[in-house]
Amino acid sequence: MGSDRRVSRRSFSRWSLAGLLLPAGACRAGVEQRGVAGTSSPPERSKVVVARDEKVRSGRSRLDEARVLDLLDRSLQALYGCDSPSEAWRRVAGLGKVIGLKVNCLAGKGASTHRVLVEAVCERLQQAGVPAKNLIVWDRLSSDLESAGFRINERGNKPRCIGNDIYGYDSELMAYGRVGSLVCNTLTRRCDAVINLPVLKDHSIAGVTIALKNFFGAIHNPNKYHLNVGDPYVADAYMLEPIRTKARLHICDAFNVQYEGGPSYLPQWSWPYNGLLVSADPVALDSIGRRIIEEKRAAEGFPSLKDQKREPTYIATAADKDHRLGIADPGRIDVVEV
C-alpha cells in the first residue's frame, strides 16, 4: 500500500468529526462498544472508519490481495486505536473461541461480499491465534455462497463455509416486537461471536441493505419483514438475542457500491468506491453508508430515497429507546478517514 499509513481527519459531508484520532499507545479500552447492542446505556459517541484505496484494483475489476489486506489492517488499527495492526487483530481474535463471518452473497459476484476480503479476515484471525477450524463463513443459502465464488466446506482444518440449509434453524421461535423467527443454528449453536461482512448497497424495498439488514440472512422468514420499508422489522430482527449479543464487529465491503437497483447486481449503477466501512456500531455504520449512497444518487441525478418513498427509517428506529442498538445521530458519530 506504500508508506503513507496516516489517518486523516478531514470533513466527511458536514458531520462533526471532533476527536477522531486516538493517541499512540495500547488499544484504547471501550472501542469495541460491547454495550451498544440493546442495552440501557449506549455510548455517548460511536466511531466509523471509512477506508479507501483508489489503487486497490490490480486490473479492470480484480482486487489486489495485498492492498485489500493492508486496507483492512489500517482500518482495524484505526478503529481500535492501536499502535500496530497485530494488536488490533488480537482484540478481534479475543471476541470468541469460534468466530462466524456473516457474508452477503445474494447477488452473485457482482454485488456480494468479495472472497478476497473474507480470505484476508480469515488469514489475520489465524495469525492472531484462531484455529482455521474455528472460523465459519456463512450465509442463508449454500447456493448463494457458491454463486459468489465461495466453496462449501463442512469439515477439516480449513475455515468452514456453509449455508443455513446445511445446519438448519433452531427449533425454538424467538420474538421481539413485530418479529417472530427461527434463528439459524450456525449462529445459535456454532458461533461464540460474529463478524458481520455486509455489502454497501441500495435496496428496492428497504432503501438500503448494509449492517443491520444483513442479519435477515440469519432467520428463516425474512420475506415477511419488508413491509413499511422494513420499519421496525429490521431493528426488531436484530434484537433477537443471538444476533444482538454475538454480532460484535462490522466490516462493510464497499469495493463496489450498488447505489440504484439493489439488492441485485446491475452494473450500470455499480460504483467502484474501492473501500471499507468498519465499526462496532451497526446503526452508526448504516447511517454513514446510507449517506454515501444518497450522495452518489444525487450526483447521478437520482431522487432521494425519501422522495422514492423508501427512506430507511428503520435505522433511526434501531437507535430509539426501545432498541438502543447504536447511534444514528450524525453529530455523535466520529468518522475516521483512512
Protein backbone atom coordinates (compact mmCIF):
# COMPACT_ATOMS: atom_id res chain seq x y z
CA MET A 1 0.00 0.00 0.00
CA GLY A 2 3.01 2.28 0.10
CA SER A 3 4.47 4.14 3.03
CA ASP A 4 1.62 6.54 3.79
CA ARG A 5 -0.16 4.96 6.76
CA ARG A 6 -1.72 8.11 8.18
CA VAL A 7 -5.26 8.52 9.38
CA SER A 8 -6.63 11.87 8.23
CA ARG A 9 -9.24 13.99 9.99
CA ARG A 10 -10.87 15.71 7.06
CA SER A 11 -14.53 16.62 6.96
CA PHE A 12 -16.97 13.95 5.84
CA SER A 13 -20.04 15.63 4.37
CA ARG A 14 -20.98 18.13 7.09
CA TRP A 15 -20.74 15.89 10.12
CA SER A 16 -18.97 16.63 13.34
CA LEU A 17 -15.56 14.94 13.39
CA ALA A 18 -14.25 16.17 16.72
CA GLY A 19 -11.80 13.83 18.41
CA LEU A 20 -11.23 11.43 15.54
CA LEU A 21 -7.63 10.48 16.18
CA LEU A 22 -6.62 8.29 19.08
CA PRO A 23 -3.31 8.86 20.87
CA ALA A 24 -0.40 6.50 20.44
CA GLY A 25 -0.17 3.63 22.91
CA ALA A 26 -2.07 0.46 23.65
CA CYS A 27 -5.53 -0.04 22.23
CA ARG A 28 -7.97 2.25 23.95
CA ALA A 29 -10.49 0.40 26.11
CA GLY A 30 -14.12 0.53 25.11
CA VAL A 31 -13.71 0.91 21.37
CA GLU A 32 -15.45 -2.42 20.82
CA GLN A 33 -18.57 -0.79 22.28
CA ARG A 34 -19.82 -4.06 23.72
CA GLY A 35 -22.57 -2.12 25.45
CA VAL A 36 -24.06 -0.80 22.21
CA ALA A 37 -26.49 -3.50 21.21
CA GLY A 38 -29.77 -3.46 23.06
CA THR A 39 -28.50 -2.09 26.36
CA SER A 40 -29.85 0.65 28.59
CA SER A 41 -26.68 2.72 28.35
CA PRO A 42 -25.37 3.06 24.79
CA PRO A 43 -22.15 5.04 24.34
CA GLU A 44 -22.20 8.81 24.02
CA ARG A 45 -20.42 8.58 20.66
CA SER A 46 -19.65 5.93 18.06
CA LYS A 47 -16.83 5.59 15.58
CA VAL A 48 -16.96 4.54 11.93
CA VAL A 49 -13.78 4.08 9.92
CA VAL A 50 -14.09 4.90 6.22
CA ALA A 51 -11.08 3.47 4.38
CA ARG A 52 -10.44 3.86 0.64
CA ASP A 53 -7.67 3.00 -1.79
CA GLU A 54 -8.13 4.03 -5.41
CA LYS A 55 -5.34 1.63 -6.42
CA VAL A 56 -6.90 -1.42 -4.76
CA ARG A 57 -7.73 -2.95 -8.15
CA SER A 58 -4.89 -4.69 -9.96
CA GLY A 59 -6.87 -4.89 -13.20
CA ARG A 60 -10.15 -3.60 -14.56
CA SER A 61 -12.12 -5.30 -11.80
CA ARG A 62 -9.85 -7.67 -9.87
CA LEU A 63 -8.98 -6.64 -6.31
CA ASP A 64 -5.32 -6.71 -5.32
CA GLU A 65 -5.00 -9.10 -2.38
CA ALA A 66 -2.07 -7.28 -0.75
CA ARG A 67 -3.78 -3.90 -0.94
CA VAL A 68 -7.06 -5.30 0.44
CA LEU A 69 -5.13 -6.81 3.35
CA ASP A 70 -3.33 -3.56 4.05
CA LEU A 71 -6.54 -1.51 3.86
CA LEU A 72 -8.15 -3.95 6.28
CA ASP A 73 -5.19 -3.75 8.66
CA ARG A 74 -5.23 0.03 8.73
CA SER A 75 -9.00 0.10 9.24
CA LEU A 76 -8.84 -2.15 12.30
CA GLN A 77 -5.85 -0.28 13.70
CA ALA A 78 -7.77 2.99 13.37
CA LEU A 79 -10.95 1.55 14.89
CA TYR A 80 -9.25 0.17 17.98
CA GLY A 81 -6.63 2.91 18.30
CA CYS A 82 -3.68 0.53 18.38
CA ASP A 83 -0.01 1.08 17.63
CA SER A 84 0.02 -1.86 15.21
CA PRO A 85 -2.42 -3.95 13.19
CA SER A 86 -1.36 -7.08 15.08
CA GLU A 87 -2.58 -5.53 18.34
CA ALA A 88 -5.93 -4.77 16.72
CA TRP A 89 -6.29 -8.29 15.36
CA ARG A 90 -5.58 -9.75 18.78
CA ARG A 91 -8.56 -7.74 20.01
CA VAL A 92 -10.71 -9.20 17.24
CA ALA A 93 -9.45 -12.73 17.88
CA GLY A 94 -10.48 -12.35 21.51
CA LEU A 95 -14.16 -11.86 20.62
CA GLY A 96 -14.84 -15.60 20.92
CA LYS A 97 -13.46 -19.10 20.54
CA VAL A 98 -15.47 -19.82 17.38
CA ILE A 99 -15.95 -16.78 15.16
CA GLY A 100 -18.54 -16.62 12.40
CA LEU A 101 -18.17 -14.41 9.35
CA LYS A 102 -21.64 -13.42 8.10
CA VAL A 103 -21.31 -12.54 4.43
CA ASN A 104 -23.89 -11.31 1.90
CA CYS A 105 -23.93 -13.39 -1.28
CA LEU A 106 -27.45 -12.92 -2.61
CA ALA A 107 -26.40 -11.04 -5.76
CA GLY A 108 -23.60 -13.26 -7.06
CA LYS A 109 -20.08 -11.99 -7.66
CA GLY A 110 -21.07 -8.50 -8.79
CA ALA A 111 -22.63 -7.22 -5.56
CA SER A 112 -21.67 -9.71 -2.87
CA THR A 113 -19.01 -9.79 -0.16
CA HIS A 114 -15.73 -10.29 -2.00
CA ARG A 115 -13.96 -13.57 -1.32
CA VAL A 116 -10.61 -11.78 -1.19
CA LEU A 117 -11.86 -9.71 1.77
CA VAL A 118 -13.13 -12.80 3.61
CA GLU A 119 -9.85 -14.60 3.00
CA ALA A 120 -7.95 -11.59 4.35
CA VAL A 121 -10.02 -11.59 7.55
CA CYS A 122 -9.51 -15.35 7.96
CA GLU A 123 -5.75 -15.01 7.39
CA ARG A 124 -5.35 -12.32 10.01
CA LEU A 125 -7.51 -14.13 12.56
CA GLN A 126 -5.43 -17.29 12.16
CA GLN A 127 -2.25 -15.28 12.59
CA ALA A 128 -3.79 -13.85 15.78
CA GLY A 129 -4.31 -17.35 17.16
CA VAL A 130 -7.75 -18.51 15.98
CA PRO A 131 -7.56 -22.07 14.56
CA ALA A 132 -8.83 -22.28 10.99
CA LYS A 133 -11.45 -24.86 12.00
CA ASN A 134 -12.89 -22.29 14.45
CA LEU A 135 -13.80 -19.90 11.63
CA ILE A 136 -17.19 -20.26 9.93
CA VAL A 137 -18.08 -18.29 6.80
CA TRP A 138 -21.86 -18.40 6.42
CA ASP A 139 -24.91 -17.04 4.70
CA ARG A 140 -28.51 -18.04 4.17
CA LEU A 141 -28.02 -20.48 1.28
CA SER A 142 -25.09 -22.58 0.15
CA SER A 143 -26.06 -21.84 -3.45
CA ASP A 144 -25.71 -18.11 -2.79
CA LEU A 145 -22.22 -18.65 -1.39
CA GLU A 146 -21.24 -20.69 -4.43
CA SER A 147 -22.63 -18.09 -6.81
CA ALA A 148 -20.35 -15.51 -5.18
CA GLY A 149 -17.27 -17.68 -5.64
CA PHE A 150 -17.07 -19.45 -2.28
CA ARG A 151 -16.55 -23.19 -1.90
CA ILE A 152 -18.73 -25.08 0.59
CA ASN A 153 -16.68 -26.82 3.28
CA GLU A 154 -18.14 -28.52 6.36
CA ARG A 155 -15.07 -30.12 7.93
CA GLY A 156 -11.30 -30.39 8.02
CA ASN A 157 -8.59 -27.99 9.14
CA LYS A 158 -9.79 -25.11 6.98
CA PRO A 159 -12.36 -22.41 7.70
CA ARG A 160 -15.89 -23.78 7.37
CA CYS A 161 -18.09 -22.32 4.64
CA ILE A 162 -21.77 -23.19 4.87
CA GLY A 163 -25.30 -22.03 4.21
CA ASN A 164 -28.12 -22.24 6.72
CA ASP A 165 -29.56 -25.07 4.63
CA ILE A 166 -26.76 -27.30 5.97
CA TYR A 167 -27.09 -26.80 9.75
CA GLY A 168 -30.73 -25.70 9.72
CA TYR A 169 -32.60 -23.49 12.17
CA ASP A 170 -33.18 -23.63 15.90
CA SER A 171 -36.49 -25.24 16.84
CA GLU A 172 -37.42 -22.50 19.31
CA LEU A 173 -39.19 -19.44 17.93
CA MET A 174 -37.58 -16.20 19.06
CA ALA A 175 -39.54 -12.96 19.12
CA TYR A 176 -39.09 -9.25 19.63
CA GLY A 177 -41.60 -6.55 18.74
CA ARG A 178 -43.23 -7.48 15.44
CA VAL A 179 -40.73 -10.19 14.55
CA GLY A 180 -41.03 -13.89 15.34
CA SER A 181 -38.43 -16.12 13.68
CA LEU A 182 -36.31 -19.23 13.88
CA VAL A 183 -32.63 -18.30 14.02
CA CYS A 184 -30.06 -20.39 12.19
CA ASN A 185 -28.10 -22.98 14.16
CA THR A 186 -24.83 -21.65 12.78
CA LEU A 187 -25.41 -18.56 14.88
CA THR A 188 -27.22 -20.06 17.88
CA ARG A 189 -25.15 -23.23 18.37
CA ARG A 190 -21.86 -22.91 16.48
CA CYS A 191 -20.56 -19.36 16.87
CA ASP A 192 -19.48 -17.51 20.00
CA ALA A 193 -19.13 -14.22 18.15
CA VAL A 194 -19.81 -12.92 14.64
CA ILE A 195 -18.00 -10.51 12.36
CA ASN A 196 -20.60 -9.02 10.04
CA LEU A 197 -19.41 -8.57 6.43
CA PRO A 198 -22.26 -6.84 4.59
CA VAL A 199 -22.16 -5.02 1.25
CA LEU A 200 -22.92 -1.33 0.77
CA LYS A 201 -25.94 -1.24 -1.50
CA ASP A 202 -29.31 0.16 -2.34
CA HIS A 203 -32.43 -1.92 -1.72
CA SER A 204 -35.53 -1.52 -3.86
CA ILE A 205 -37.87 -2.09 -0.89
CA ALA A 206 -35.96 -1.22 2.28
CA GLY A 207 -33.96 1.72 0.94
CA VAL A 208 -30.54 0.32 1.80
CA THR A 209 -29.19 -3.01 2.97
CA ILE A 210 -25.99 -2.74 4.99
CA ALA A 211 -25.07 -3.95 8.50
CA LEU A 212 -28.44 -4.20 10.24
CA LYS A 213 -30.37 -5.83 7.44
CA ASN A 214 -27.60 -8.33 6.66
CA PHE A 215 -28.90 -10.42 9.58
CA PHE A 216 -32.10 -11.12 7.69
CA GLY A 217 -29.86 -13.90 6.43
CA ALA A 218 -29.88 -15.43 9.92
CA ILE A 219 -33.64 -16.02 10.15
CA HIS A 220 -35.95 -18.45 8.36
CA ASN A 221 -38.62 -15.97 7.23
CA PRO A 222 -37.07 -12.65 6.09
CA ASN A 223 -39.63 -12.36 3.29
CA LYS A 224 -42.25 -11.42 5.90
CA TYR A 225 -40.41 -8.34 7.11
CA HIS A 226 -40.19 -5.92 4.18
CA LEU A 227 -43.46 -4.13 4.91
CA ASN A 228 -43.31 -0.38 5.64
CA VAL A 229 -39.78 -0.16 4.18
CA GLY A 230 -38.61 -2.66 6.80
CA ASP A 231 -39.52 -0.45 9.77
CA PRO A 232 -39.48 -1.65 12.56
CA TYR A 233 -38.78 -5.17 11.30
CA VAL A 234 -35.06 -4.76 10.56
CA ALA A 235 -34.43 -3.30 14.02
CA ASP A 236 -36.68 -5.87 15.71
CA ALA A 237 -34.93 -8.79 13.99
CA TYR A 238 -31.55 -7.51 15.12
CA MET A 239 -32.87 -7.51 18.70
CA LEU A 240 -33.21 -11.29 18.68
CA GLU A 241 -30.80 -12.42 21.39
CA PRO A 242 -28.23 -14.40 19.33
CA ILE A 243 -27.90 -11.58 16.81
CA ARG A 244 -27.85 -8.75 19.34
CA THR A 245 -25.26 -10.36 21.60
CA LYS A 246 -22.97 -12.14 19.11
CA ALA A 247 -22.59 -9.56 16.31
CA ARG A 248 -19.51 -7.75 17.60
CA LEU A 249 -17.77 -6.15 14.63
CA HIS A 250 -18.96 -4.88 11.24
CA ILE A 251 -16.70 -4.70 8.19
CA CYS A 252 -18.72 -3.44 5.25
CA ASP A 253 -17.50 -4.33 1.76
CA ALA A 254 -17.72 -1.08 -0.19
CA PHE A 255 -15.40 -2.00 -3.03
CA ASN A 256 -18.43 -1.95 -5.34
CA VAL A 257 -21.39 0.18 -4.20
CA GLN A 258 -24.78 -0.59 -5.75
CA TYR A 259 -26.39 2.84 -5.50
CA GLU A 260 -29.53 2.04 -7.53
CA GLY A 261 -31.37 -1.16 -8.45
CA GLY A 262 -30.24 -3.20 -5.45
CA PRO A 263 -30.09 -5.68 -3.93
CA SER A 264 -29.44 -7.28 -7.32
CA TYR A 265 -26.26 -6.53 -9.24
CA LEU A 266 -26.89 -4.04 -12.04
CA PRO A 267 -23.51 -2.97 -13.44
CA GLN A 268 -24.78 0.31 -14.89
CA TRP A 269 -25.44 1.52 -11.34
CA SER A 270 -22.45 -0.05 -9.63
CA TRP A 271 -19.80 2.38 -8.35
CA PRO A 272 -16.17 1.37 -7.67
CA TYR A 273 -15.94 3.09 -4.30
CA ASN A 274 -12.86 0.95 -3.51
CA GLY A 275 -13.28 0.99 0.24
CA LEU A 276 -14.38 -0.43 3.56
CA LEU A 277 -16.62 0.87 6.34
CA VAL A 278 -15.70 -0.54 9.74
CA SER A 279 -17.41 -0.10 13.11
CA ALA A 280 -18.54 -1.84 16.27
CA ASP A 281 -21.86 0.03 15.92
CA PRO A 282 -24.16 -1.25 13.14
CA VAL A 283 -26.50 1.73 13.42
CA ALA A 284 -23.72 4.27 13.02
CA LEU A 285 -22.28 2.30 10.11
CA ASP A 286 -25.67 2.19 8.38
CA SER A 287 -26.10 5.92 8.93
CA ILE A 288 -22.77 6.63 7.25
CA GLY A 289 -23.39 4.11 4.48
CA ARG A 290 -26.84 5.47 3.74
CA ARG A 291 -25.39 8.98 3.35
CA ILE A 292 -22.72 7.72 0.93
CA ILE A 293 -25.40 6.10 -1.22
CA GLU A 294 -27.65 9.17 -1.08
CA GLU A 295 -24.82 11.50 -2.14
CA LYS A 296 -23.92 9.26 -5.07
CA ARG A 297 -27.55 9.03 -6.12
CA ALA A 298 -27.85 12.82 -6.07
CA ALA A 299 -24.63 13.17 -8.08
CA GLU A 300 -26.04 10.79 -10.72
CA GLY A 301 -29.40 12.56 -10.89
CA PHE A 302 -31.49 10.06 -8.95
CA PRO A 303 -34.14 11.21 -6.46
CA SER A 304 -33.55 10.71 -2.75
CA LEU A 305 -34.74 7.52 -1.09
CA LYS A 306 -37.29 9.60 0.81
CA ASP A 307 -38.68 11.02 -2.43
CA GLN A 308 -38.98 7.46 -3.75
CA LYS A 309 -40.92 6.52 -0.59
CA ARG A 310 -38.31 4.04 0.56
CA GLU A 311 -36.41 6.02 3.18
CA PRO A 312 -34.73 3.52 5.57
CA THR A 313 -36.32 4.87 8.75
CA TYR A 314 -35.53 1.56 10.46
CA ILE A 315 -32.02 2.94 11.06
CA ALA A 316 -33.40 5.59 13.41
CA THR A 317 -35.72 3.01 14.97
CA ALA A 318 -32.70 0.83 15.79
CA ALA A 319 -31.33 3.74 17.83
CA ASP A 320 -34.52 4.57 19.74
CA LYS A 321 -35.15 3.97 23.44
CA ASP A 322 -36.75 0.58 22.82
CA HIS A 323 -33.85 -0.84 20.80
CA ARG A 324 -30.66 1.06 21.74
CA LEU A 325 -28.65 -0.81 19.12
CA GLY A 326 -26.34 2.12 18.43
CA ILE A 327 -26.19 5.75 17.40
CA ALA A 328 -27.94 7.26 14.39
CA ASP A 329 -27.37 10.94 15.20
CA PRO A 330 -24.63 12.16 12.81
CA GLY A 331 -23.48 14.68 15.39
CA ARG A 332 -22.49 11.83 17.68
CA ILE A 333 -20.67 9.73 15.07
CA ASP A 334 -16.92 10.21 14.68
CA VAL A 335 -15.81 9.32 11.18
CA VAL A 336 -12.17 8.35 10.74
CA GLU A 337 -10.96 8.52 7.15
CA VAL A 338 -8.07 6.20 6.30
